[in-house]
Amino acid sequence: MSNTGPWSFSRIKAFEQCPKKFYHLKVAKDYREPETEAMTYGTEVHLAAEEYIRDGIEIPAPFAYIKPHLDALKQIEGEKLCEYEMGLTESLEPCGFKDDNVWFRGIADLLIVNREKKRAFVVDYKTGRNSKWADKGQLELMALAVFKHFPEIEEVKAALLFVVTNDFIRDKYIKEDEPRLWRKWLTDYTTMEKAYKRDVWNARPSGLCRKHCIVTECPHNGRN
């Protein structure tokens, strides 16, 4: 395994946002993101959705608004797999999420596998209120992992479900997409790997630095 350790969509995006912040949060681990109300709310919504689809447990009243979305998903034919963990080795072979040789990790909020029709559905729940800048990269990686873990699957339909704003950001991937998509993600991974090897973590300033970044030692932080 590379010295970057297992990577994921969130890890790649955090590095792209700012390598210096990524270093302090993920490598040196001398800073820690505080738990926000939005993060707690998102965790609770995900748990409610998981328990409703997997176990039939009634959705708590504060999250009852998500029930119509989940009922629609339950009608899709196929095996329902909630919070499904997938790992890949560096040679892109499927492996366990916590295996010693795991290189990539991804978790599908909801994966529906229809082996008979050679089709799968991947849904990622979002509790944000703005889908305008939705990033479908997470869906790409989940589809790529599904193709490896379920080799009989030839098509993956995927969506970001913004449960608060009732937005459904869709995409579709076919098995022939794999080489093209992997080239893109492996390029992003290589950029991150070079930062590890060179131990160079340049700051990438943005409009969020001065008031919102927790890495106060950064020269772009207005609270240092």
C-alpha atoms as a PDB file:
ATOM      1  CA  MET A   1       0.000   0.000   0.000  1.00  0.00           C
ATOM      2  CA  SER A   2       1.149   3.546  -0.705  1.00  0.00           C
ATOM      3  CA  ASN A   3       2.171   5.773   2.192  1.00  0.00           C
ATOM      4  CA  THR A   4      -1.025   7.781   1.731  1.00  0.00           C
ATOM      5  CA  GLY A   5      -3.000   5.010   3.395  1.00  0.00           C
ATOM      6  CA  PRO A   6      -6.502   4.099   2.174  1.00  0.00           C
ATOM      7  CA  TRP A   7      -8.085   6.926   0.233  1.00  0.00           C
ATOM      8  CA  SER A   8     -11.677   7.884  -0.481  1.00  0.00           C
ATOM      9  CA  PHE A   9     -13.730  10.529  -2.248  1.00  0.00           C
ATOM     10  CA  SER A  10     -13.820  12.734   0.855  1.00  0.00           C
ATOM     11  CA  ARG A  11     -10.053  12.419   1.286  1.00  0.00           C
ATOM     12  CA  ILE A  12      -9.369  13.454  -2.319  1.00  0.00           C
ATOM     13  CA  LYS A  13     -11.763  16.406  -2.058  1.00  0.00           C
ATOM     14  CA  ALA A  14     -10.239  17.575   1.217  1.00  0.00           C
ATOM     15  CA  PHE A  15      -6.789  17.525  -0.381  1.00  0.00           C
ATOM     16  CA  GLU A  16      -8.020  19.445  -3.421  1.00  0.00           C
ATOM     17  CA  GLN A  17      -9.629  22.082  -1.219  1.00  0.00           C
ATOM     18  CA  CYS A  18      -6.377  22.851   0.581  1.00  0.00           C
ATOM     19  CA  PRO A  19      -3.311  20.587   0.897  1.00  0.00           C
ATOM     20  CA  LYS A  20      -2.109  22.423   4.004  1.00  0.00           C
ATOM     21  CA  LYS A  21      -5.398  21.982   5.852  1.00  0.00           C
ATOM     22  CA  PHE A  22      -5.476  18.365   4.690  1.00  0.00           C
ATOM     23  CA  TYR A  23      -2.009  17.822   6.147  1.00  0.00           C
ATOM     24  CA  HIS A  24      -2.979  19.125   9.577  1.00  0.00           C
ATOM     25  CA  LEU A  25      -6.267  17.210   9.690  1.00  0.00           C
ATOM     26  CA  LYS A  26      -5.314  13.911   8.054  1.00  0.00           C
ATOM     27  CA  VAL A  27      -1.529  13.529   8.332  1.00  0.00           C
ATOM     28  CA  ALA A  28      -0.168  15.419  11.348  1.00  0.00           C
ATOM     29  CA  LYS A  29      -3.607  15.257  13.014  1.00  0.00           C
ATOM     30  CA  ASP A  30      -2.791  18.262  15.186  1.00  0.00           C
ATOM     31  CA  TYR A  31      -6.159  19.852  14.418  1.00  0.00           C
ATOM     32  CA  ARG A  32      -9.636  18.355  14.504  1.00  0.00           C
ATOM     33  CA  GLU A  33     -12.809  19.547  12.806  1.00  0.00           C
ATOM     34  CA  PRO A  34     -15.453  20.369  15.428  1.00  0.00           C
ATOM     35  CA  GLU A  35     -18.767  18.534  15.252  1.00  0.00           C
ATOM     36  CA  THR A  36     -21.399  20.948  13.952  1.00  0.00           C
ATOM     37  CA  GLU A  37     -25.177  20.833  14.234  1.00  0.00           C
ATOM     38  CA  ALA A  38     -25.378  20.192  10.487  1.00  0.00           C
ATOM     39  CA  MET A  39     -23.038  17.196  10.782  1.00  0.00           C
ATOM     40  CA  THR A  40     -25.018  15.757  13.686  1.00  0.00           C
ATOM     41  CA  TYR A  41     -28.276  16.242  11.804  1.00  0.00           C
ATOM     42  CA  GLY A  42     -26.863  14.509   8.730  1.00  0.00           C
ATOM     43  CA  THR A  43     -25.726  11.536  10.801  1.00  0.00           C
ATOM     44  CA  GLU A  44     -29.184  11.199  12.366  1.00  0.00           C
ATOM     45  CA  VAL A  45     -30.927  11.336   8.971  1.00  0.00           C
ATOM     46  CA  HIS A  46     -28.617   8.657   7.572  1.00  0.00           C
ATOM     47  CA  LEU A  47     -29.304   6.397  10.560  1.00  0.00           C
ATOM     48  CA  ALA A  48     -33.060   6.890  10.256  1.00  0.00           C
ATOM     49  CA  ALA A  49     -32.945   6.020   6.553  1.00  0.00           C
ATOM     50  CA  GLU A  50     -30.773   2.955   7.161  1.00  0.00           C
ATOM     51  CA  GLU A  51     -33.003   1.561   9.899  1.00  0.00           C
ATOM     52  CA  TYR A  52     -36.191   2.200   7.925  1.00  0.00           C
ATOM     53  CA  ILE A  53     -35.042   0.515   4.725  1.00  0.00           C
ATOM     54  CA  ARG A  54     -33.077  -2.328   6.310  1.00  0.00           C
ATOM     55  CA  ASP A  55     -35.167  -3.099   9.387  1.00  0.00           C
ATOM     56  CA  GLY A  56     -38.507  -1.415   8.837  1.00  0.00           C
ATOM     57  CA  ILE A  57     -38.072   0.724  11.960  1.00  0.00           C
ATOM     58  CA  GLU A  58     -40.416   3.706  11.923  1.00  0.00           C
ATOM     59  CA  ILE A  59     -38.761   6.999  11.024  1.00  0.00           C
ATOM     60  CA  PRO A  60     -38.552   9.441  13.969  1.00  0.00           C
ATOM     61  CA  ALA A  61     -41.026  12.315  13.696  1.00  0.00           C
ATOM     62  CA  PRO A  62     -38.402  15.038  13.020  1.00  0.00           C
ATOM     63  CA  PHE A  63     -37.313  13.159   9.883  1.00  0.00           C
ATOM     64  CA  ALA A  64     -40.737  12.023   8.673  1.00  0.00           C
ATOM     65  CA  TYR A  65     -40.344  14.185   5.575  1.00  0.00           C
ATOM     66  CA  ILE A  66     -37.840  11.697   4.116  1.00  0.00           C
ATOM     67  CA  LYS A  67     -40.317   8.808   4.161  1.00  0.00           C
ATOM     68  CA  PRO A  68     -41.790   9.420   0.658  1.00  0.00           C
ATOM     69  CA  HIS A  69     -38.281   9.386  -0.808  1.00  0.00           C
ATOM     70  CA  LEU A  70     -37.399   6.156   0.965  1.00  0.00           C
ATOM     71  CA  ASP A  71     -40.673   4.499   0.048  1.00  0.00           C
ATOM     72  CA  ALA A  72     -39.953   5.212  -3.606  1.00  0.00           C
ATOM     73  CA  LEU A  73     -36.496   3.663  -3.255  1.00  0.00           C
ATOM     74  CA  LYS A  74     -37.947   0.587  -1.541  1.00  0.00           C
ATOM     75  CA  GLN A  75     -40.053  -0.044  -4.643  1.00  0.00           C
ATOM     76  CA  ILE A  76     -36.974  -0.528  -6.823  1.00  0.00           C
ATOM     77  CA  GLU A  77     -36.379  -4.214  -7.498  1.00  0.00           C
ATOM     78  CA  GLY A  78     -33.220  -5.712  -6.064  1.00  0.00           C
ATOM     79  CA  GLU A  79     -31.346  -6.515  -2.883  1.00  0.00           C
ATOM     80  CA  LYS A  80     -31.174  -3.469  -0.584  1.00  0.00           C
ATOM     81  CA  LEU A  81     -27.766  -2.931   1.035  1.00  0.00           C
ATOM     82  CA  CYS A  82     -27.555  -0.044   3.509  1.00  0.00           C
ATOM     83  CA  GLU A  83     -24.323   1.755   4.412  1.00  0.00           C
ATOM     84  CA  TYR A  84     -22.540  -0.817   2.281  1.00  0.00           C
ATOM     85  CA  GLU A  85     -18.756  -0.788   2.682  1.00  0.00           C
ATOM     86  CA  MET A  86     -16.501  -1.538  -0.287  1.00  0.00           C
ATOM     87  CA  GLY A  87     -12.734  -1.777  -0.412  1.00  0.00           C
ATOM     88  CA  LEU A  88     -10.329  -2.095  -3.328  1.00  0.00           C
ATOM     89  CA  THR A  89      -6.682  -3.080  -3.456  1.00  0.00           C
ATOM     90  CA  GLU A  90      -4.098  -1.036  -5.332  1.00  0.00           C
ATOM     91  CA  SER A  91      -4.534  -3.426  -8.277  1.00  0.00           C
ATOM     92  CA  LEU A  92      -8.269  -2.558  -8.220  1.00  0.00           C
ATOM     93  CA  GLU A  93      -9.357  -5.936  -6.904  1.00  0.00           C
ATOM     94  CA  PRO A  94     -12.280  -6.078  -4.439  1.00  0.00           C
ATOM     95  CA  CYS A  95     -11.355  -6.574  -0.809  1.00  0.00           C
ATOM     96  CA  GLY A  96     -12.735  -6.042   2.664  1.00  0.00           C
ATOM     97  CA  PHE A  97     -13.172  -2.506   3.962  1.00  0.00           C
ATOM     98  CA  LYS A  98     -10.703  -3.138   6.800  1.00  0.00           C
ATOM     99  CA  ASP A  99      -8.338  -5.579   5.091  1.00  0.00           C
ATOM    100  CA  ASP A 100      -4.625  -4.946   5.519  1.00  0.00           C
ATOM    101  CA  ASN A 101      -4.221  -4.428   1.781  1.00  0.00           C
ATOM    102  CA  VAL A 102      -7.172  -2.067   1.332  1.00  0.00           C
ATOM    103  CA  TRP A 103      -6.180   0.904  -0.856  1.00  0.00           C
ATOM    104  CA  PHE A 104      -9.519   2.588  -1.579  1.00  0.00           C
ATOM    105  CA  ARG A 105     -12.605   2.756   0.628  1.00  0.00           C
ATOM    106  CA  GLY A 106     -16.147   3.787  -0.187  1.00  0.00           C
ATOM    107  CA  ILE A 107     -19.496   3.507   1.585  1.00  0.00           C
ATOM    108  CA  ALA A 108     -22.768   3.554  -0.336  1.00  0.00           C
ATOM    109  CA  ASP A 109     -25.628   5.003   1.715  1.00  0.00           C
ATOM    110  CA  LEU A 110     -27.962   2.736  -0.234  1.00  0.00           C
ATOM    111  CA  LEU A 111     -26.984   0.154  -2.829  1.00  0.00           C
ATOM    112  CA  ILE A 112     -29.664  -1.798  -4.665  1.00  0.00           C
ATOM    113  CA  VAL A 113     -28.359  -4.770  -6.651  1.00  0.00           C
ATOM    114  CA  ASN A 114     -30.457  -6.481  -9.291  1.00  0.00           C
ATOM    115  CA  ARG A 115     -28.323  -9.358 -10.482  1.00  0.00           C
ATOM    116  CA  GLU A 116     -30.979 -10.686 -12.828  1.00  0.00           C
ATOM    117  CA  LYS A 117     -31.101  -7.429 -14.788  1.00  0.00           C
ATOM    118  CA  LYS A 118     -27.351  -6.804 -14.303  1.00  0.00           C
ATOM    119  CA  ARG A 119     -28.187  -3.387 -12.917  1.00  0.00           C
ATOM    120  CA  ALA A 120     -27.488  -1.549  -9.671  1.00  0.00           C
ATOM    121  CA  PHE A 121     -28.661   1.681  -8.061  1.00  0.00           C
ATOM    122  CA  VAL A 122     -26.510   3.824  -5.761  1.00  0.00           C
ATOM    123  CA  VAL A 123     -28.050   6.587  -3.681  1.00  0.00           C
ATOM    124  CA  ASP A 124     -26.223   9.065  -1.475  1.00  0.00           C
ATOM    125  CA  TYR A 125     -28.360  11.084   0.948  1.00  0.00           C
ATOM    126  CA  LYS A 126     -27.586  14.781   1.293  1.00  0.00           C
ATOM    127  CA  THR A 127     -29.043  17.059   3.969  1.00  0.00           C
ATOM    128  CA  GLY A 128     -27.638  20.298   2.575  1.00  0.00           C
ATOM    129  CA  ARG A 129     -29.960  22.981   1.267  1.00  0.00           C
ATOM    130  CA  ASN A 130     -28.125  23.804  -1.933  1.00  0.00           C
ATOM    131  CA  SER A 131     -27.689  21.287  -4.723  1.00  0.00           C
ATOM    132  CA  LYS A 132     -26.478  23.851  -7.263  1.00  0.00           C
ATOM    133  CA  TRP A 133     -22.819  22.847  -6.925  1.00  0.00           C
ATOM    134  CA  ALA A 134     -23.436  19.163  -6.285  1.00  0.00           C
ATOM    135  CA  ASP A 135     -20.335  17.064  -6.961  1.00  0.00           C
ATOM    136  CA  LYS A 136     -21.152  13.766  -8.665  1.00  0.00           C
ATOM    137  CA  GLY A 137     -17.604  12.469  -8.232  1.00  0.00           C
ATOM    138  CA  GLN A 138     -18.717  10.418  -5.245  1.00  0.00           C
ATOM    139  CA  LEU A 139     -21.227   8.642  -7.464  1.00  0.00           C
ATOM    140  CA  GLU A 140     -18.523   7.848 -10.022  1.00  0.00           C
ATOM    141  CA  LEU A 141     -16.333   6.205  -7.415  1.00  0.00           C
ATOM    142  CA  MET A 142     -19.211   4.244  -5.926  1.00  0.00           C
ATOM    143  CA  ALA A 143     -20.126   2.976  -9.397  1.00  0.00           C
ATOM    144  CA  LEU A 144     -16.520   1.949 -10.024  1.00  0.00           C
ATOM    145  CA  ALA A 145     -16.432   0.056  -6.728  1.00  0.00           C
ATOM    146  CA  VAL A 146     -19.750  -1.641  -7.518  1.00  0.00           C
ATOM    147  CA  PHE A 147     -18.416  -2.866 -10.865  1.00  0.00           C
ATOM    148  CA  LYS A 148     -15.520  -4.514  -9.011  1.00  0.00           C
ATOM    149  CA  HIS A 149     -17.527  -6.002  -6.132  1.00  0.00           C
ATOM    150  CA  PHE A 150     -20.381  -7.168  -8.334  1.00  0.00           C
ATOM    151  CA  PRO A 151     -18.737  -8.126 -11.656  1.00  0.00           C
ATOM    152  CA  GLU A 152     -22.059  -9.256 -13.122  1.00  0.00           C
ATOM    153  CA  ILE A 153     -23.372  -5.659 -12.969  1.00  0.00           C
ATOM    154  CA  GLU A 154     -23.176  -3.843 -16.305  1.00  0.00           C
ATOM    155  CA  GLU A 155     -25.000  -0.599 -15.478  1.00  0.00           C
ATOM    156  CA  VAL A 156     -25.138   1.587 -12.375  1.00  0.00           C
ATOM    157  CA  LYS A 157     -27.759   4.275 -11.982  1.00  0.00           C
ATOM    158  CA  ALA A 158     -26.742   6.698  -9.258  1.00  0.00           C
ATOM    159  CA  ALA A 159     -28.132   9.764  -7.562  1.00  0.00           C
ATOM    160  CA  LEU A 160     -27.481  12.366  -4.906  1.00  0.00           C
ATOM    161  CA  LEU A 161     -30.764  12.688  -3.022  1.00  0.00           C
ATOM    162  CA  PHE A 162     -31.093  16.101  -1.358  1.00  0.00           C
ATOM    163  CA  VAL A 163     -33.805  15.144   1.092  1.00  0.00           C
ATOM    164  CA  VAL A 164     -34.458  18.653   2.434  1.00  0.00           C
ATOM    165  CA  THR A 165     -34.846  20.427  -0.900  1.00  0.00           C
ATOM    166  CA  ASN A 166     -36.303  17.446  -2.763  1.00  0.00           C
ATOM    167  CA  ASP A 167     -33.592  17.527  -5.438  1.00  0.00           C
ATOM    168  CA  PHE A 168     -32.425  14.396  -7.205  1.00  0.00           C
ATOM    169  CA  ILE A 169     -29.091  14.736  -9.025  1.00  0.00           C
ATOM    170  CA  ARG A 170     -28.843  11.702 -11.304  1.00  0.00           C
ATOM    171  CA  ASP A 171     -26.192  10.029 -13.388  1.00  0.00           C
ATOM    172  CA  LYS A 172     -25.647   6.679 -15.085  1.00  0.00           C
ATOM    173  CA  TYR A 173     -22.504   4.612 -15.603  1.00  0.00           C
ATOM    174  CA  ILE A 174     -21.857   1.589 -17.749  1.00  0.00           C
ATOM    175  CA  LYS A 175     -19.080  -0.952 -17.437  1.00  0.00           C
ATOM    176  CA  GLU A 176     -17.323   0.460 -20.503  1.00  0.00           C
ATOM    177  CA  ASP A 177     -16.852   3.723 -18.549  1.00  0.00           C
ATOM    178  CA  GLU A 178     -14.405   2.111 -16.137  1.00  0.00           C
ATOM    179  CA  PRO A 179     -11.059   2.786 -17.888  1.00  0.00           C
ATOM    180  CA  ARG A 180     -11.900   6.438 -18.588  1.00  0.00           C
ATOM    181  CA  LEU A 181     -13.123   7.156 -15.073  1.00  0.00           C
ATOM    182  CA  TRP A 182     -10.250   5.350 -13.369  1.00  0.00           C
ATOM    183  CA  ARG A 183      -7.726   7.387 -15.394  1.00  0.00           C
ATOM    184  CA  LYS A 184      -9.232  10.589 -14.008  1.00  0.00           C
ATOM    185  CA  TRP A 185      -9.308   9.449 -10.386  1.00  0.00           C
ATOM    186  CA  LEU A 186      -5.861   7.878 -10.499  1.00  0.00           C
ATOM    187  CA  THR A 187      -4.495  11.214 -11.732  1.00  0.00           C
ATOM    188  CA  ASP A 188      -6.051  12.932  -8.720  1.00  0.00           C
ATOM    189  CA  TYR A 189      -4.684  10.241  -6.427  1.00  0.00           C
ATOM    190  CA  THR A 190      -1.191  10.571  -7.898  1.00  0.00           C
ATOM    191  CA  THR A 191      -1.199  14.304  -7.154  1.00  0.00           C
ATOM    192  CA  MET A 192      -2.003  13.572  -3.511  1.00  0.00           C
ATOM    193  CA  GLU A 193       0.582  10.796  -3.359  1.00  0.00           C
ATOM    194  CA  LYS A 194       3.298  13.174  -4.616  1.00  0.00           C
ATOM    195  CA  ALA A 195       2.521  15.554  -1.757  1.00  0.00           C
ATOM    196  CA  TYR A 196       3.085  12.684   0.693  1.00  0.00           C
ATOM    197  CA  LYS A 197       6.349  11.641  -0.918  1.00  0.00           C
ATOM    198  CA  ARG A 198       7.729  15.175  -1.102  1.00  0.00           C
ATOM    199  CA  ASP A 199       6.173  16.249   2.197  1.00  0.00           C
ATOM    200  CA  VAL A 200       5.059  19.471   0.528  1.00  0.00           C
ATOM    201  CA  TRP A 201       1.648  20.811   1.560  1.00  0.00           C
ATOM    202  CA  ASN A 202       1.017  24.181  -0.005  1.00  0.00           C
ATOM    203  CA  ALA A 203      -1.889  26.272   1.230  1.00  0.00           C
ATOM    204  CA  ARG A 204      -4.680  26.967  -1.246  1.00  0.00           C
ATOM    205  CA  PRO A 205      -6.342  30.168  -0.027  1.00  0.00           C
ATOM    206  CA  SER A 206     -10.028  30.812  -0.587  1.00  0.00           C
ATOM    207  CA  GLY A 207     -12.744  33.067   0.737  1.00  0.00           C
ATOM    208  CA  LEU A 208     -13.281  30.685   3.646  1.00  0.00           C
ATOM    209  CA  CYS A 209      -9.780  30.945   5.093  1.00  0.00           C
ATOM    210  CA  ARG A 210      -9.943  34.054   7.243  1.00  0.00           C
ATOM    211  CA  LYS A 211     -13.013  33.239   9.293  1.00  0.00           C
ATOM    212  CA  HIS A 212     -13.721  29.548   8.907  1.00  0.00           C
ATOM    213  CA  CYS A 213     -10.520  27.489   8.669  1.00  0.00           C
ATOM    214  CA  ILE A 214      -9.488  25.847  11.933  1.00  0.00           C
ATOM    215  CA  VAL A 215      -5.765  25.774  11.008  1.00  0.00           C
ATOM    216  CA  THR A 216      -4.905  29.008  12.768  1.00  0.00           C
ATOM    217  CA  GLU A 217      -1.172  28.755  12.112  1.00  0.00           C
ATOM    218  CA  CYS A 218      -1.747  29.189   8.365  1.00  0.00           C
ATOM    219  CA  PRO A 219      -0.767  32.698   7.148  1.00  0.00           C
ATOM    220  CA  HIS A 220      -4.085  32.967   5.316  1.00  0.00           C
ATOM    221  CA  ASN A 221      -6.089  32.487   8.493  1.00  0.00           C
ATOM    222  CA  GLY A 222      -7.388  35.773   9.892  1.00  0.00           C
ATOM    223  CA  ARG A 223      -7.542  34.499  13.465  1.00  0.00           C
ATOM    224  CA  ASN A 224      -3.862  33.703  13.966  1.00  0.00           C
END
